[in-house]
């Protein structure tokens, strides 16, 4: 899925700031996701100094770090980027479930959107395919963040 770039570009990015929390587990994957997310945010008008990045060891720490970032930096949205693979990660079922449930809680009880950009794939090769070309999940996560921020701005201004 590659959301309409025009929709992401139409977000009010002049005042937007975006936090990105990225797991260092499978860093060859997560670094690629981070790079594409930052490129996309900048392409859509978010200033470099309004993009906050924090690293955590594994995907399990993403929800905590995202919440802390929302408190300390007060961004318009926070993107969580990570990777867990069934073949390489013995905790795979727990990682996916825990991060998904925690993200749901953040979104239900927070004042900003938290965007799920965590790859949960059978193998590392499957994850690598999601970091290149059209539909890159880093790009997609950034576009989603801006679309939700735009929706929030629309609600406030209506």
Foldseek 3Di string as FASTA:
>chain_A
DFPDLVLLLPFPQPPFAEEEEEACVVVVLRVLLQVLLLVLSVVSPHDPVRYHYHYDHALLCQLVVLVVCCVPVVGQEYEYEHEDAQVPDPCLVVSVVNNVVSQVVCCVPDPHHYFYLYHYYHDPVVSVVLSDDPNNSSNRRNSVRRSVSRVVVVVVVD
